[in-house]
PDB file of all heavy atoms in Angstrom:
ATOM      1  N   MET A   1     -15.090 -19.624   3.424  1.00  0.00           N
ATOM      2  CA  MET A   1     -14.059 -19.432   2.414  1.00  0.00           C
ATOM      3  C   MET A   1     -13.997 -17.979   1.956  1.00  0.00           C
ATOM      4  O   MET A   1     -12.918 -17.439   1.690  1.00  0.00           O
ATOM      5  CB  MET A   1     -14.317 -20.356   1.212  1.00  0.00           C
ATOM      6  CG  MET A   1     -14.095 -21.842   1.506  1.00  0.00           C
ATOM      7  SD  MET A   1     -12.424 -22.189   2.084  1.00  0.00           S
ATOM      8  CE  MET A   1     -12.744 -22.619   3.790  1.00  0.00           C
ATOM      9  N   GLU A   2     -15.164 -17.330   1.848  1.00  0.00           N
ATOM     10  CA  GLU A   2     -15.189 -15.918   1.476  1.00  0.00           C
ATOM     11  C   GLU A   2     -14.502 -15.071   2.543  1.00  0.00           C
ATOM     12  O   GLU A   2     -13.771 -14.128   2.244  1.00  0.00           O
ATOM     13  CB  GLU A   2     -16.633 -15.450   1.269  1.00  0.00           C
ATOM     14  CG  GLU A   2     -17.264 -15.989  -0.010  1.00  0.00           C
ATOM     15  CD  GLU A   2     -18.738 -15.627  -0.119  1.00  0.00           C
ATOM     16  OE1 GLU A   2     -19.234 -14.867   0.725  1.00  0.00           O
ATOM     17  OE2 GLU A   2     -19.386 -16.094  -1.064  1.00  0.00           O
ATOM     18  N   LYS A   3     -14.748 -15.416   3.819  1.00  0.00           N
ATOM     19  CA  LYS A   3     -14.100 -14.700   4.913  1.00  0.00           C
ATOM     20  C   LYS A   3     -12.588 -14.902   4.866  1.00  0.00           C
ATOM     21  O   LYS A   3     -11.818 -13.965   5.115  1.00  0.00           O
ATOM     22  CB  LYS A   3     -14.650 -15.178   6.255  1.00  0.00           C
ATOM     23  CG  LYS A   3     -16.047 -14.667   6.567  1.00  0.00           C
ATOM     24  CD  LYS A   3     -16.506 -15.159   7.933  1.00  0.00           C
ATOM     25  CE  LYS A   3     -17.889 -14.628   8.276  1.00  0.00           C
ATOM     26  NZ  LYS A   3     -18.359 -15.111   9.599  1.00  0.00           N
ATOM     27  N   LEU A   4     -12.157 -16.129   4.550  1.00  0.00           N
ATOM     28  CA  LEU A   4     -10.725 -16.407   4.446  1.00  0.00           C
ATOM     29  C   LEU A   4     -10.085 -15.571   3.340  1.00  0.00           C
ATOM     30  O   LEU A   4      -8.984 -15.038   3.501  1.00  0.00           O
ATOM     31  CB  LEU A   4     -10.502 -17.896   4.148  1.00  0.00           C
ATOM     32  CG  LEU A   4     -10.450 -18.857   5.326  1.00  0.00           C
ATOM     33  CD1 LEU A   4     -10.182 -20.260   4.809  1.00  0.00           C
ATOM     34  CD2 LEU A   4      -9.398 -18.446   6.318  1.00  0.00           C
ATOM     35  N   SER A   5     -10.787 -15.466   2.210  1.00  0.00           N
ATOM     36  CA  SER A   5     -10.279 -14.683   1.092  1.00  0.00           C
ATOM     37  C   SER A   5     -10.143 -13.219   1.483  1.00  0.00           C
ATOM     38  O   SER A   5      -9.122 -12.573   1.212  1.00  0.00           O
ATOM     39  CB  SER A   5     -11.213 -14.826  -0.109  1.00  0.00           C
ATOM     40  OG  SER A   5     -10.762 -14.039  -1.182  1.00  0.00           O
ATOM     41  N   ALA A   6     -11.183 -12.681   2.143  1.00  0.00           N
ATOM     42  CA  ALA A   6     -11.144 -11.283   2.591  1.00  0.00           C
ATOM     43  C   ALA A   6     -10.025 -11.076   3.601  1.00  0.00           C
ATOM     44  O   ALA A   6      -9.302 -10.062   3.567  1.00  0.00           O
ATOM     45  CB  ALA A   6     -12.489 -10.888   3.187  1.00  0.00           C
ATOM     46  N   LEU A   7      -9.860 -12.045   4.510  1.00  0.00           N
ATOM     47  CA  LEU A   7      -8.805 -11.958   5.516  1.00  0.00           C
ATOM     48  C   LEU A   7      -7.435 -11.988   4.865  1.00  0.00           C
ATOM     49  O   LEU A   7      -6.515 -11.284   5.285  1.00  0.00           O
ATOM     50  CB  LEU A   7      -8.947 -13.112   6.515  1.00  0.00           C
ATOM     51  CG  LEU A   7      -7.941 -13.154   7.674  1.00  0.00           C
ATOM     52  CD1 LEU A   7      -8.024 -11.883   8.498  1.00  0.00           C
ATOM     53  CD2 LEU A   7      -8.179 -14.376   8.540  1.00  0.00           C
ATOM     54  N   GLY A   8      -7.303 -12.807   3.817  1.00  0.00           N
ATOM     55  CA  GLY A   8      -6.036 -12.886   3.099  1.00  0.00           C
ATOM     56  C   GLY A   8      -5.653 -11.550   2.478  1.00  0.00           C
ATOM     57  O   GLY A   8      -4.505 -11.110   2.560  1.00  0.00           O
ATOM     58  N   LYS A   9      -6.627 -10.887   1.858  1.00  0.00           N
ATOM     59  CA  LYS A   9      -6.357  -9.587   1.242  1.00  0.00           C
ATOM     60  C   LYS A   9      -6.010  -8.546   2.298  1.00  0.00           C
ATOM     61  O   LYS A   9      -5.096  -7.736   2.121  1.00  0.00           O
ATOM     62  CB  LYS A   9      -7.577  -9.140   0.435  1.00  0.00           C
ATOM     63  CG  LYS A   9      -7.846 -10.008  -0.790  1.00  0.00           C
ATOM     64  CD  LYS A   9      -9.149  -9.628  -1.462  1.00  0.00           C
ATOM     65  CE  LYS A   9      -9.441 -10.563  -2.635  1.00  0.00           C
ATOM     66  NZ  LYS A   9     -10.770 -10.275  -3.241  1.00  0.00           N
ATOM     67  N   LEU A  10      -6.742  -8.574   3.418  1.00  0.00           N
ATOM     68  CA  LEU A  10      -6.480  -7.622   4.506  1.00  0.00           C
ATOM     69  C   LEU A  10      -5.094  -7.863   5.096  1.00  0.00           C
ATOM     70  O   LEU A  10      -4.340  -6.916   5.350  1.00  0.00           O
ATOM     71  CB  LEU A  10      -7.548  -7.765   5.586  1.00  0.00           C
ATOM     72  CG  LEU A  10      -7.382  -6.883   6.836  1.00  0.00           C
ATOM     73  CD1 LEU A  10      -7.454  -5.407   6.453  1.00  0.00           C
ATOM     74  CD2 LEU A  10      -8.445  -7.227   7.876  1.00  0.00           C
ATOM     75  N   THR A  11      -4.753  -9.137   5.309  1.00  0.00           N
ATOM     76  CA  THR A  11      -3.444  -9.468   5.885  1.00  0.00           C
ATOM     77  C   THR A  11      -2.320  -9.030   4.960  1.00  0.00           C
ATOM     78  O   THR A  11      -1.291  -8.520   5.420  1.00  0.00           O
ATOM     79  CB  THR A  11      -3.341 -10.987   6.134  1.00  0.00           C
ATOM     80  OG1 THR A  11      -4.419 -11.398   6.978  1.00  0.00           O
ATOM     81  CG2 THR A  11      -2.025 -11.342   6.810  1.00  0.00           C
ATOM     82  N   GLY A  12      -2.512  -9.220   3.658  1.00  0.00           N
ATOM     83  CA  GLY A  12      -1.504  -8.782   2.691  1.00  0.00           C
ATOM     84  C   GLY A  12      -1.278  -7.281   2.756  1.00  0.00           C
ATOM     85  O   GLY A  12      -0.136  -6.800   2.726  1.00  0.00           O
ATOM     86  N   SER A  13      -2.374  -6.527   2.880  1.00  0.00           N
ATOM     87  CA  SER A  13      -2.283  -5.074   2.962  1.00  0.00           C
ATOM     88  C   SER A  13      -1.591  -4.635   4.253  1.00  0.00           C
ATOM     89  O   SER A  13      -0.690  -3.783   4.235  1.00  0.00           O
ATOM     90  CB  SER A  13      -3.686  -4.459   2.891  1.00  0.00           C
ATOM     91  OG  SER A  13      -3.631  -3.060   3.079  1.00  0.00           O
ATOM     92  N   ILE A  14      -2.003  -5.248   5.373  1.00  0.00           N
ATOM     93  CA  ILE A  14      -1.399  -4.903   6.668  1.00  0.00           C
ATOM     94  C   ILE A  14       0.085  -5.272   6.689  1.00  0.00           C
ATOM     95  O   ILE A  14       0.919  -4.517   7.191  1.00  0.00           O
ATOM     96  CB  ILE A  14      -2.150  -5.612   7.817  1.00  0.00           C
ATOM     97  CG1 ILE A  14      -3.571  -5.032   7.953  1.00  0.00           C
ATOM     98  CG2 ILE A  14      -1.397  -5.460   9.140  1.00  0.00           C
ATOM     99  CD1 ILE A  14      -4.438  -5.777   8.944  1.00  0.00           C
ATOM    100  N   SER A  15       0.415  -6.432   6.133  1.00  0.00           N
ATOM    101  CA  SER A  15       1.812  -6.876   6.093  1.00  0.00           C
ATOM    102  C   SER A  15       2.676  -5.870   5.354  1.00  0.00           C
ATOM    103  O   SER A  15       3.792  -5.552   5.765  1.00  0.00           O
ATOM    104  CB  SER A  15       1.911  -8.247   5.427  1.00  0.00           C
ATOM    105  OG  SER A  15       1.218  -9.223   6.162  1.00  0.00           O
ATOM    106  N   HIS A  16       2.141  -5.367   4.243  1.00  0.00           N
ATOM    107  CA  HIS A  16       2.885  -4.389   3.451  1.00  0.00           C
ATOM    108  C   HIS A  16       3.125  -3.122   4.260  1.00  0.00           C
ATOM    109  O   HIS A  16       4.237  -2.574   4.273  1.00  0.00           O
ATOM    110  CB  HIS A  16       2.106  -4.073   2.172  1.00  0.00           C
ATOM    111  CG  HIS A  16       2.774  -3.045   1.303  1.00  0.00           C
ATOM    112  ND1 HIS A  16       3.915  -3.321   0.575  1.00  0.00           N
ATOM    113  CD2 HIS A  16       2.476  -1.737   1.073  1.00  0.00           C
ATOM    114  CE1 HIS A  16       4.286  -2.232  -0.072  1.00  0.00           C
ATOM    115  NE2 HIS A  16       3.432  -1.258   0.214  1.00  0.00           N
ATOM    116  N   GLU A  17       2.074  -2.661   4.953  1.00  0.00           N
ATOM    117  CA  GLU A  17       2.186  -1.437   5.750  1.00  0.00           C
ATOM    118  C   GLU A  17       3.162  -1.612   6.910  1.00  0.00           C
ATOM    119  O   GLU A  17       3.881  -0.684   7.271  1.00  0.00           O
ATOM    120  CB  GLU A  17       0.811  -1.027   6.280  1.00  0.00           C
ATOM    121  CG  GLU A  17      -0.174  -0.618   5.194  1.00  0.00           C
ATOM    122  CD  GLU A  17       0.300   0.576   4.389  1.00  0.00           C
ATOM    123  OE1 GLU A  17       0.919   1.482   4.973  1.00  0.00           O
ATOM    124  OE2 GLU A  17       0.056   0.598   3.164  1.00  0.00           O
ATOM    125  N   PHE A  18       3.181  -2.788   7.515  1.00  0.00           N
ATOM    126  CA  PHE A  18       4.088  -3.038   8.633  1.00  0.00           C
ATOM    127  C   PHE A  18       5.530  -3.216   8.152  1.00  0.00           C
ATOM    128  O   PHE A  18       6.475  -2.839   8.846  1.00  0.00           O
ATOM    129  CB  PHE A  18       3.667  -4.293   9.392  1.00  0.00           C
ATOM    130  CG  PHE A  18       2.556  -4.068  10.379  1.00  0.00           C
ATOM    131  CD1 PHE A  18       1.733  -2.963  10.292  1.00  0.00           C
ATOM    132  CD2 PHE A  18       2.328  -4.968  11.410  1.00  0.00           C
ATOM    133  CE1 PHE A  18       0.707  -2.749  11.191  1.00  0.00           C
ATOM    134  CE2 PHE A  18       1.303  -4.769  12.320  1.00  0.00           C
ATOM    135  CZ  PHE A  18       0.489  -3.649  12.211  1.00  0.00           C
ATOM    136  N   ASN A  19       5.688  -3.816   6.988  1.00  0.00           N
ATOM    137  CA  ASN A  19       7.016  -4.158   6.500  1.00  0.00           C
ATOM    138  C   ASN A  19       7.838  -2.909   6.174  1.00  0.00           C
ATOM    139  O   ASN A  19       9.051  -2.872   6.408  1.00  0.00           O
ATOM    140  CB  ASN A  19       6.907  -5.056   5.272  1.00  0.00           C
ATOM    141  CG  ASN A  19       8.190  -5.809   4.997  1.00  0.00           C
ATOM    142  OD1 ASN A  19       8.732  -6.470   5.872  1.00  0.00           O
ATOM    143  ND2 ASN A  19       8.685  -5.700   3.780  1.00  0.00           N
ATOM    144  N   ASN A  20       7.179  -1.886   5.650  1.00  0.00           N
ATOM    145  CA  ASN A  20       7.906  -0.667   5.273  1.00  0.00           C
ATOM    146  C   ASN A  20       8.600   0.001   6.466  1.00  0.00           C
ATOM    147  O   ASN A  20       9.803   0.274   6.401  1.00  0.00           O
ATOM    148  CB  ASN A  20       6.964   0.318   4.569  1.00  0.00           C
ATOM    149  CG  ASN A  20       6.644  -0.139   3.152  1.00  0.00           C
ATOM    150  OD1 ASN A  20       7.370  -0.933   2.566  1.00  0.00           O
ATOM    151  ND2 ASN A  20       5.558   0.375   2.596  1.00  0.00           N
ATOM    152  N   PRO A  21       7.869   0.297   7.568  1.00  0.00           N
ATOM    153  CA  PRO A  21       8.569   0.901   8.717  1.00  0.00           C
ATOM    154  C   PRO A  21       9.603  -0.028   9.329  1.00  0.00           C
ATOM    155  O   PRO A  21      10.629   0.429   9.857  1.00  0.00           O
ATOM    156  CB  PRO A  21       7.440   1.208   9.706  1.00  0.00           C
ATOM    157  CG  PRO A  21       6.277   0.394   9.284  1.00  0.00           C
ATOM    158  CD  PRO A  21       6.412   0.236   7.810  1.00  0.00           C
ATOM    159  N   LEU A  22       9.371  -1.351   9.265  1.00  0.00           N
ATOM    160  CA  LEU A  22      10.370  -2.282   9.799  1.00  0.00           C
ATOM    161  C   LEU A  22      11.683  -2.174   9.035  1.00  0.00           C
ATOM    162  O   LEU A  22      12.766  -2.198   9.627  1.00  0.00           O
ATOM    163  CB  LEU A  22       9.842  -3.722   9.709  1.00  0.00           C
ATOM    164  CG  LEU A  22       9.079  -4.280  10.903  1.00  0.00           C
ATOM    165  CD1 LEU A  22       8.686  -5.722  10.636  1.00  0.00           C
ATOM    166  CD2 LEU A  22       9.884  -4.189  12.182  1.00  0.00           C
ATOM    167  N   GLN A  23      11.573  -2.079   7.704  1.00  0.00           N
ATOM    168  CA  GLN A  23      12.784  -1.939   6.899  1.00  0.00           C
ATOM    169  C   GLN A  23      13.484  -0.620   7.215  1.00  0.00           C
ATOM    170  O   GLN A  23      14.715  -0.534   7.205  1.00  0.00           O
ATOM    171  CB  GLN A  23      12.437  -2.022   5.408  1.00  0.00           C
ATOM    172  CG  GLN A  23      11.956  -3.389   4.956  1.00  0.00           C
ATOM    173  CD  GLN A  23      12.912  -4.496   5.338  1.00  0.00           C
ATOM    174  OE1 GLN A  23      14.125  -4.403   5.118  1.00  0.00           O
ATOM    175  NE2 GLN A  23      12.379  -5.570   5.921  1.00  0.00           N
ATOM    176  N   GLY A  24      12.690   0.431   7.496  1.00  0.00           N
ATOM    177  CA  GLY A  24      13.274   1.711   7.889  1.00  0.00           C
ATOM    178  C   GLY A  24      14.039   1.597   9.196  1.00  0.00           C
ATOM    179  O   GLY A  24      15.149   2.129   9.336  1.00  0.00           O
ATOM    180  N   ILE A  25      13.423   0.884  10.166  1.00  0.00           N
ATOM    181  CA  ILE A  25      14.092   0.685  11.461  1.00  0.00           C
ATOM    182  C   ILE A  25      15.392  -0.095  11.277  1.00  0.00           C
ATOM    183  O   ILE A  25      16.424   0.221  11.882  1.00  0.00           O
ATOM    184  CB  ILE A  25      13.150  -0.048  12.437  1.00  0.00           C
ATOM    185  CG1 ILE A  25      11.964   0.847  12.811  1.00  0.00           C
ATOM    186  CG2 ILE A  25      13.896  -0.468  13.704  1.00  0.00           C
ATOM    187  CD1 ILE A  25      10.864   0.122  13.561  1.00  0.00           C
ATOM    188  N   LYS A  26      15.337  -1.118  10.422  1.00  0.00           N
ATOM    189  CA  LYS A  26      16.533  -1.931  10.190  1.00  0.00           C
ATOM    190  C   LYS A  26      17.647  -1.090   9.568  1.00  0.00           C
ATOM    191  O   LYS A  26      18.824  -1.224   9.915  1.00  0.00           O
ATOM    192  CB  LYS A  26      16.204  -3.116   9.281  1.00  0.00           C
ATOM    193  CG  LYS A  26      17.359  -4.094   9.155  1.00  0.00           C
ATOM    194  CD  LYS A  26      16.948  -5.374   8.465  1.00  0.00           C
ATOM    195  CE  LYS A  26      18.111  -6.352   8.415  1.00  0.00           C
ATOM    196  NZ  LYS A  26      17.748  -7.617   7.755  1.00  0.00           N
ATOM    197  N   GLY A  27      17.265  -0.186   8.658  1.00  0.00           N
ATOM    198  CA  GLY A  27      18.255   0.700   8.044  1.00  0.00           C
ATOM    199  C   GLY A  27      18.916   1.607   9.066  1.00  0.00           C
ATOM    200  O   GLY A  27      20.137   1.839   9.027  1.00  0.00           O
ATOM    201  N   ILE A  28      18.114   2.131   9.994  1.00  0.00           N
ATOM    202  CA  ILE A  28      18.649   2.995  11.056  1.00  0.00           C
ATOM    203  C   ILE A  28      19.615   2.213  11.947  1.00  0.00           C
ATOM    204  O   ILE A  28      20.689   2.696  12.325  1.00  0.00           O
ATOM    205  CB  ILE A  28      17.504   3.582  11.897  1.00  0.00           C
ATOM    206  CG1 ILE A  28      16.678   4.561  11.044  1.00  0.00           C
ATOM    207  CG2 ILE A  28      18.039   4.284  13.138  1.00  0.00           C
ATOM    208  CD1 ILE A  28      15.389   5.003  11.695  1.00  0.00           C
ATOM    209  N   LEU A  29      19.246   0.970  12.295  1.00  0.00           N
ATOM    210  CA  LEU A  29      20.106   0.142  13.141  1.00  0.00           C
ATOM    211  C   LEU A  29      21.440  -0.154  12.459  1.00  0.00           C
ATOM    212  O   LEU A  29      22.506  -0.123  13.086  1.00  0.00           O
ATOM    213  CB  LEU A  29      19.393  -1.170  13.488  1.00  0.00           C
ATOM    214  CG  LEU A  29      18.158  -1.060  14.392  1.00  0.00           C
ATOM    215  CD1 LEU A  29      17.450  -2.402  14.491  1.00  0.00           C
ATOM    216  CD2 LEU A  29      18.556  -0.562  15.785  1.00  0.00           C
ATOM    217  N   GLU A  30      21.387  -0.428  11.147  1.00  0.00           N
ATOM    218  CA  GLU A  30      22.625  -0.694  10.407  1.00  0.00           C
ATOM    219  C   GLU A  30      23.511   0.554  10.360  1.00  0.00           C
ATOM    220  O   GLU A  30      24.740   0.467  10.459  1.00  0.00           O
ATOM    221  CB  GLU A  30      22.283  -1.171   8.996  1.00  0.00           C
ATOM    222  CG  GLU A  30      21.700  -2.589   8.964  1.00  0.00           C
ATOM    223  CD  GLU A  30      21.237  -2.999   7.582  1.00  0.00           C
ATOM    224  OE1 GLU A  30      21.198  -2.124   6.690  1.00  0.00           O
ATOM    225  OE2 GLU A  30      20.895  -4.186   7.402  1.00  0.00           O
ATOM    226  N   ALA A  31      22.859   1.714  10.199  1.00  0.00           N
ATOM    227  CA  ALA A  31      23.623   2.960  10.174  1.00  0.00           C
ATOM    228  C   ALA A  31      24.288   3.213  11.529  1.00  0.00           C
ATOM    229  O   ALA A  31      25.446   3.662  11.599  1.00  0.00           O
ATOM    230  CB  ALA A  31      22.703   4.121   9.808  1.00  0.00           C
ATOM    231  N   LEU A  32      23.569   2.934  12.607  1.00  0.00           N
ATOM    232  CA  LEU A  32      24.130   3.120  13.951  1.00  0.00           C
ATOM    233  C   LEU A  32      25.321   2.200  14.187  1.00  0.00           C
ATOM    234  O   LEU A  32      26.306   2.581  14.841  1.00  0.00           O
ATOM    235  CB  LEU A  32      23.049   2.867  15.006  1.00  0.00           C
ATOM    236  CG  LEU A  32      21.998   3.969  15.181  1.00  0.00           C
ATOM    237  CD1 LEU A  32      20.877   3.501  16.093  1.00  0.00           C
ATOM    238  CD2 LEU A  32      22.656   5.230  15.756  1.00  0.00           C
TER     239      LEU A  32
END
């Protein structure tokens, strides 16, 4: 359970980092 909790926090952090550039890519595609 402790590992799951740590994994949850790590996944949340990684998701945030991945989501930002994805939104940037989507903005570029809409502009194109």
